[in-house]
């Protein structure tokens, strides 16, 4: 294999298709283990748990997965049978249950949480509103892109 690299090998493989899993398009040439992590809310640990619990071959490409296996994957992601410490929504604010949310629901729930913090004017909500770091990081030398442009920097750009 002189002059060929792994990218040439990928182009020689049979057609790559897009597979739609829970509203997310995933390249078909990805392995099942890595492809599941493309879905928002599915980490490497949850992906590994899904493969083990459902009995899937982690090295199989996602486009080669059968329809009934794909349905099993979607059901698992909607209602995973994993321990509470692996779930991404422990002791939910609304009802106190341990939940695992994925996809667009996770993004929406995250936005609602930030809006709630802003509304009650908690410390974290105020920091979110001011575009400052929320978790106690120092701000002297870091987070410069979030700051408003200073008057001196604006004058310097005008003179150039």
C-alpha atoms as a PDB file:
ATOM      1  CA  UNK A   1       0.000   0.000   0.000  1.00  0.00           C
ATOM      2  CA  UNK A   2       2.461   2.598  -1.172  1.00  0.00           C
ATOM      3  CA  UNK A   3       1.294   6.210  -1.230  1.00  0.00           C
ATOM      4  CA  UNK A   4      -2.064   5.385   0.290  1.00  0.00           C
ATOM      5  CA  UNK A   5      -3.292   6.509   3.648  1.00  0.00           C
ATOM      6  CA  UNK A   6      -6.325   5.681   5.703  1.00  0.00           C
ATOM      7  CA  UNK A   7      -8.405   8.355   3.950  1.00  0.00           C
ATOM      8  CA  UNK A   8      -7.907   6.648   0.561  1.00  0.00           C
ATOM      9  CA  UNK A   9      -9.040   3.378   2.134  1.00  0.00           C
ATOM     10  CA  UNK A  10     -12.219   5.057   3.397  1.00  0.00           C
ATOM     11  CA  UNK A  11     -13.022   6.336  -0.109  1.00  0.00           C
ATOM     12  CA  UNK A  12     -12.623   2.829  -1.528  1.00  0.00           C
ATOM     13  CA  UNK A  13     -15.206   1.340   0.820  1.00  0.00           C
ATOM     14  CA  UNK A  14     -18.755   0.851  -0.343  1.00  0.00           C
ATOM     15  CA  UNK A  15     -21.222   3.735  -0.223  1.00  0.00           C
ATOM     16  CA  UNK A  16     -21.572   5.666   3.003  1.00  0.00           C
ATOM     17  CA  UNK A  17     -25.152   6.385   3.959  1.00  0.00           C
ATOM     18  CA  UNK A  18     -26.636   8.659   6.569  1.00  0.00           C
ATOM     19  CA  UNK A  19     -28.514   6.916   9.333  1.00  0.00           C
ATOM     20  CA  UNK A  20     -31.142   8.855  11.265  1.00  0.00           C
ATOM     21  CA  UNK A  21     -31.335   7.972  14.941  1.00  0.00           C
ATOM     22  CA  UNK A  22     -33.642  10.016  17.184  1.00  0.00           C
ATOM     23  CA  UNK A  23     -33.563  13.071  14.926  1.00  0.00           C
ATOM     24  CA  UNK A  24     -29.790  13.049  14.399  1.00  0.00           C
ATOM     25  CA  UNK A  25     -28.106  12.191  11.093  1.00  0.00           C
ATOM     26  CA  UNK A  26     -25.058   9.980  11.649  1.00  0.00           C
ATOM     27  CA  UNK A  27     -22.534   8.881   9.041  1.00  0.00           C
ATOM     28  CA  UNK A  28     -23.039   5.207   8.268  1.00  0.00           C
ATOM     29  CA  UNK A  29     -19.346   4.287   8.299  1.00  0.00           C
ATOM     30  CA  UNK A  30     -19.011   5.042  12.038  1.00  0.00           C
ATOM     31  CA  UNK A  31     -18.902   2.168  14.490  1.00  0.00           C
ATOM     32  CA  UNK A  32     -22.008   1.717  16.664  1.00  0.00           C
ATOM     33  CA  UNK A  33     -20.070   2.573  19.842  1.00  0.00           C
ATOM     34  CA  UNK A  34     -18.867   5.918  18.435  1.00  0.00           C
ATOM     35  CA  UNK A  35     -22.015   6.679  16.452  1.00  0.00           C
ATOM     36  CA  UNK A  36     -24.272   6.670  19.496  1.00  0.00           C
ATOM     37  CA  UNK A  37     -22.147   9.388  21.104  1.00  0.00           C
ATOM     38  CA  UNK A  38     -23.150  11.725  18.258  1.00  0.00           C
ATOM     39  CA  UNK A  39     -26.609  11.960  19.844  1.00  0.00           C
ATOM     40  CA  UNK A  40     -26.868  14.795  22.385  1.00  0.00           C
ATOM     41  CA  UNK A  41     -27.037  13.342  25.883  1.00  0.00           C
ATOM     42  CA  UNK A  42     -25.344  10.028  25.071  1.00  0.00           C
ATOM     43  CA  UNK A  43     -21.844   9.809  26.521  1.00  0.00           C
ATOM     44  CA  UNK A  44     -19.229   7.157  25.886  1.00  0.00           C
ATOM     45  CA  UNK A  45     -20.258   5.418  29.099  1.00  0.00           C
ATOM     46  CA  UNK A  46     -23.954   5.316  28.153  1.00  0.00           C
ATOM     47  CA  UNK A  47     -23.040   4.163  24.648  1.00  0.00           C
ATOM     48  CA  UNK A  48     -20.962   1.350  26.113  1.00  0.00           C
ATOM     49  CA  UNK A  49     -23.807   0.401  28.460  1.00  0.00           C
ATOM     50  CA  UNK A  50     -26.255   0.343  25.532  1.00  0.00           C
ATOM     51  CA  UNK A  51     -24.012  -1.966  23.513  1.00  0.00           C
ATOM     52  CA  UNK A  52     -23.558  -4.344  26.457  1.00  0.00           C
ATOM     53  CA  UNK A  53     -27.192  -4.402  27.586  1.00  0.00           C
ATOM     54  CA  UNK A  54     -28.592  -4.808  24.055  1.00  0.00           C
ATOM     55  CA  UNK A  55     -25.901  -7.302  23.024  1.00  0.00           C
ATOM     56  CA  UNK A  56     -24.683  -5.259  20.049  1.00  0.00           C
ATOM     57  CA  UNK A  57     -21.281  -5.624  18.436  1.00  0.00           C
ATOM     58  CA  UNK A  58     -19.505  -2.338  19.182  1.00  0.00           C
ATOM     59  CA  UNK A  59     -17.302  -2.635  16.079  1.00  0.00           C
ATOM     60  CA  UNK A  60     -20.185  -3.034  13.638  1.00  0.00           C
ATOM     61  CA  UNK A  61     -20.854  -0.037  11.403  1.00  0.00           C
ATOM     62  CA  UNK A  62     -24.075   1.822  12.146  1.00  0.00           C
ATOM     63  CA  UNK A  63     -25.329   1.448   8.552  1.00  0.00           C
ATOM     64  CA  UNK A  64     -25.098  -2.350   8.890  1.00  0.00           C
ATOM     65  CA  UNK A  65     -27.351  -2.467  11.966  1.00  0.00           C
ATOM     66  CA  UNK A  66     -30.668  -4.179  11.292  1.00  0.00           C
ATOM     67  CA  UNK A  67     -34.009  -2.412  11.636  1.00  0.00           C
ATOM     68  CA  UNK A  68     -35.091  -4.316  14.760  1.00  0.00           C
ATOM     69  CA  UNK A  69     -31.734  -3.579  16.428  1.00  0.00           C
ATOM     70  CA  UNK A  70     -32.172   0.100  15.543  1.00  0.00           C
ATOM     71  CA  UNK A  71     -35.596   0.057  17.186  1.00  0.00           C
ATOM     72  CA  UNK A  72     -34.022  -1.506  20.298  1.00  0.00           C
ATOM     73  CA  UNK A  73     -31.402   1.259  20.363  1.00  0.00           C
ATOM     74  CA  UNK A  74     -34.058   3.969  20.085  1.00  0.00           C
ATOM     75  CA  UNK A  75     -36.126   2.398  22.878  1.00  0.00           C
ATOM     76  CA  UNK A  76     -33.028   2.119  25.077  1.00  0.00           C
ATOM     77  CA  UNK A  77     -32.117   5.776  24.532  1.00  0.00           C
ATOM     78  CA  UNK A  78     -35.671   6.884  25.357  1.00  0.00           C
ATOM     79  CA  UNK A  79     -35.841   4.758  28.518  1.00  0.00           C
ATOM     80  CA  UNK A  80     -32.360   3.492  29.476  1.00  0.00           C
ATOM     81  CA  UNK A  81     -31.974   0.750  32.033  1.00  0.00           C
ATOM     82  CA  UNK A  82     -28.813   2.179  33.546  1.00  0.00           C
ATOM     83  CA  UNK A  83     -27.940   2.961  37.178  1.00  0.00           C
ATOM     84  CA  UNK A  84     -28.916   6.355  38.563  1.00  0.00           C
ATOM     85  CA  UNK A  85     -25.338   7.629  38.742  1.00  0.00           C
ATOM     86  CA  UNK A  86     -25.042   7.379  34.933  1.00  0.00           C
ATOM     87  CA  UNK A  87     -28.164   9.414  34.250  1.00  0.00           C
ATOM     88  CA  UNK A  88     -27.792  13.048  33.250  1.00  0.00           C
ATOM     89  CA  UNK A  89     -30.754  14.412  35.193  1.00  0.00           C
ATOM     90  CA  UNK A  90     -30.479  13.192  38.780  1.00  0.00           C
ATOM     91  CA  UNK A  91     -33.070  14.464  41.260  1.00  0.00           C
ATOM     92  CA  UNK A  92     -34.891  16.499  38.613  1.00  0.00           C
ATOM     93  CA  UNK A  93     -36.045  19.921  39.782  1.00  0.00           C
ATOM     94  CA  UNK A  94     -39.663  19.389  38.695  1.00  0.00           C
ATOM     95  CA  UNK A  95     -40.461  15.978  40.155  1.00  0.00           C
ATOM     96  CA  UNK A  96     -37.333  14.759  41.974  1.00  0.00           C
ATOM     97  CA  UNK A  97     -36.898  11.634  39.840  1.00  0.00           C
ATOM     98  CA  UNK A  98     -33.711  10.397  38.203  1.00  0.00           C
ATOM     99  CA  UNK A  99     -34.056  10.782  34.425  1.00  0.00           C
ATOM    100  CA  UNK A 100     -31.909  10.466  31.353  1.00  0.00           C
ATOM    101  CA  UNK A 101     -32.810  12.995  28.662  1.00  0.00           C
ATOM    102  CA  UNK A 102     -31.369  13.044  25.164  1.00  0.00           C
ATOM    103  CA  UNK A 103     -31.708  14.914  21.906  1.00  0.00           C
ATOM    104  CA  UNK A 104     -33.564  18.181  21.549  1.00  0.00           C
ATOM    105  CA  UNK A 105     -35.295  17.687  24.908  1.00  0.00           C
ATOM    106  CA  UNK A 106     -31.932  18.001  26.670  1.00  0.00           C
ATOM    107  CA  UNK A 107     -31.113  21.297  24.961  1.00  0.00           C
ATOM    108  CA  UNK A 108     -34.573  22.662  25.722  1.00  0.00           C
ATOM    109  CA  UNK A 109     -34.428  21.576  29.385  1.00  0.00           C
ATOM    110  CA  UNK A 110     -30.974  23.178  29.740  1.00  0.00           C
ATOM    111  CA  UNK A 111     -32.279  26.483  28.376  1.00  0.00           C
ATOM    112  CA  UNK A 112     -35.268  26.368  30.748  1.00  0.00           C
ATOM    113  CA  UNK A 113     -32.936  25.759  33.709  1.00  0.00           C
ATOM    114  CA  UNK A 114     -30.864  28.830  32.827  1.00  0.00           C
ATOM    115  CA  UNK A 115     -34.004  30.944  32.379  1.00  0.00           C
ATOM    116  CA  UNK A 116     -35.241  29.799  35.797  1.00  0.00           C
ATOM    117  CA  UNK A 117     -31.932  30.740  37.413  1.00  0.00           C
ATOM    118  CA  UNK A 118     -32.084  34.170  35.786  1.00  0.00           C
ATOM    119  CA  UNK A 119     -35.672  34.688  36.878  1.00  0.00           C
ATOM    120  CA  UNK A 120     -35.002  33.927  40.536  1.00  0.00           C
ATOM    121  CA  UNK A 121     -31.827  36.052  40.333  1.00  0.00           C
ATOM    122  CA  UNK A 122     -29.566  33.431  41.823  1.00  0.00           C
ATOM    123  CA  UNK A 123     -25.804  33.920  41.681  1.00  0.00           C
ATOM    124  CA  UNK A 124     -25.512  31.492  38.773  1.00  0.00           C
ATOM    125  CA  UNK A 125     -28.370  33.242  36.965  1.00  0.00           C
ATOM    126  CA  UNK A 126     -26.714  36.641  37.332  1.00  0.00           C
ATOM    127  CA  UNK A 127     -23.405  35.235  36.043  1.00  0.00           C
ATOM    128  CA  UNK A 128     -25.203  33.670  33.043  1.00  0.00           C
ATOM    129  CA  UNK A 129     -26.924  36.976  32.293  1.00  0.00           C
ATOM    130  CA  UNK A 130     -23.617  38.882  32.397  1.00  0.00           C
ATOM    131  CA  UNK A 131     -21.818  36.301  30.200  1.00  0.00           C
ATOM    132  CA  UNK A 132     -19.317  35.637  32.966  1.00  0.00           C
ATOM    133  CA  UNK A 133     -18.022  32.249  34.151  1.00  0.00           C
ATOM    134  CA  UNK A 134     -20.513  30.550  36.427  1.00  0.00           C
ATOM    135  CA  UNK A 135     -18.439  27.999  38.302  1.00  0.00           C
ATOM    136  CA  UNK A 136     -15.971  30.188  40.193  1.00  0.00           C
ATOM    137  CA  UNK A 137     -13.182  30.529  37.640  1.00  0.00           C
ATOM    138  CA  UNK A 138     -10.937  33.562  37.824  1.00  0.00           C
ATOM    139  CA  UNK A 139     -11.524  36.261  35.241  1.00  0.00           C
ATOM    140  CA  UNK A 140      -8.417  38.449  35.305  1.00  0.00           C
ATOM    141  CA  UNK A 141      -6.641  36.896  32.345  1.00  0.00           C
ATOM    142  CA  UNK A 142      -9.219  34.478  31.028  1.00  0.00           C
ATOM    143  CA  UNK A 143     -12.663  34.834  29.407  1.00  0.00           C
ATOM    144  CA  UNK A 144     -11.594  37.824  27.317  1.00  0.00           C
ATOM    145  CA  UNK A 145     -13.852  36.971  24.402  1.00  0.00           C
ATOM    146  CA  UNK A 146     -16.922  37.335  26.618  1.00  0.00           C
ATOM    147  CA  UNK A 147     -16.016  40.821  27.728  1.00  0.00           C
ATOM    148  CA  UNK A 148     -17.353  43.918  26.066  1.00  0.00           C
ATOM    149  CA  UNK A 149     -14.894  45.768  23.903  1.00  0.00           C
ATOM    150  CA  UNK A 150     -13.068  48.488  25.827  1.00  0.00           C
ATOM    151  CA  UNK A 151     -12.868  52.078  24.606  1.00  0.00           C
ATOM    152  CA  UNK A 152      -9.080  51.862  24.147  1.00  0.00           C
ATOM    153  CA  UNK A 153      -9.361  48.759  21.965  1.00  0.00           C
ATOM    154  CA  UNK A 154     -12.056  50.391  19.847  1.00  0.00           C
ATOM    155  CA  UNK A 155      -9.865  53.494  19.270  1.00  0.00           C
ATOM    156  CA  UNK A 156      -6.903  51.273  18.357  1.00  0.00           C
ATOM    157  CA  UNK A 157      -8.973  49.473  15.679  1.00  0.00           C
ATOM    158  CA  UNK A 158     -10.181  52.799  14.250  1.00  0.00           C
ATOM    159  CA  UNK A 159      -6.633  54.130  13.906  1.00  0.00           C
ATOM    160  CA  UNK A 160      -5.474  51.057  11.945  1.00  0.00           C
END
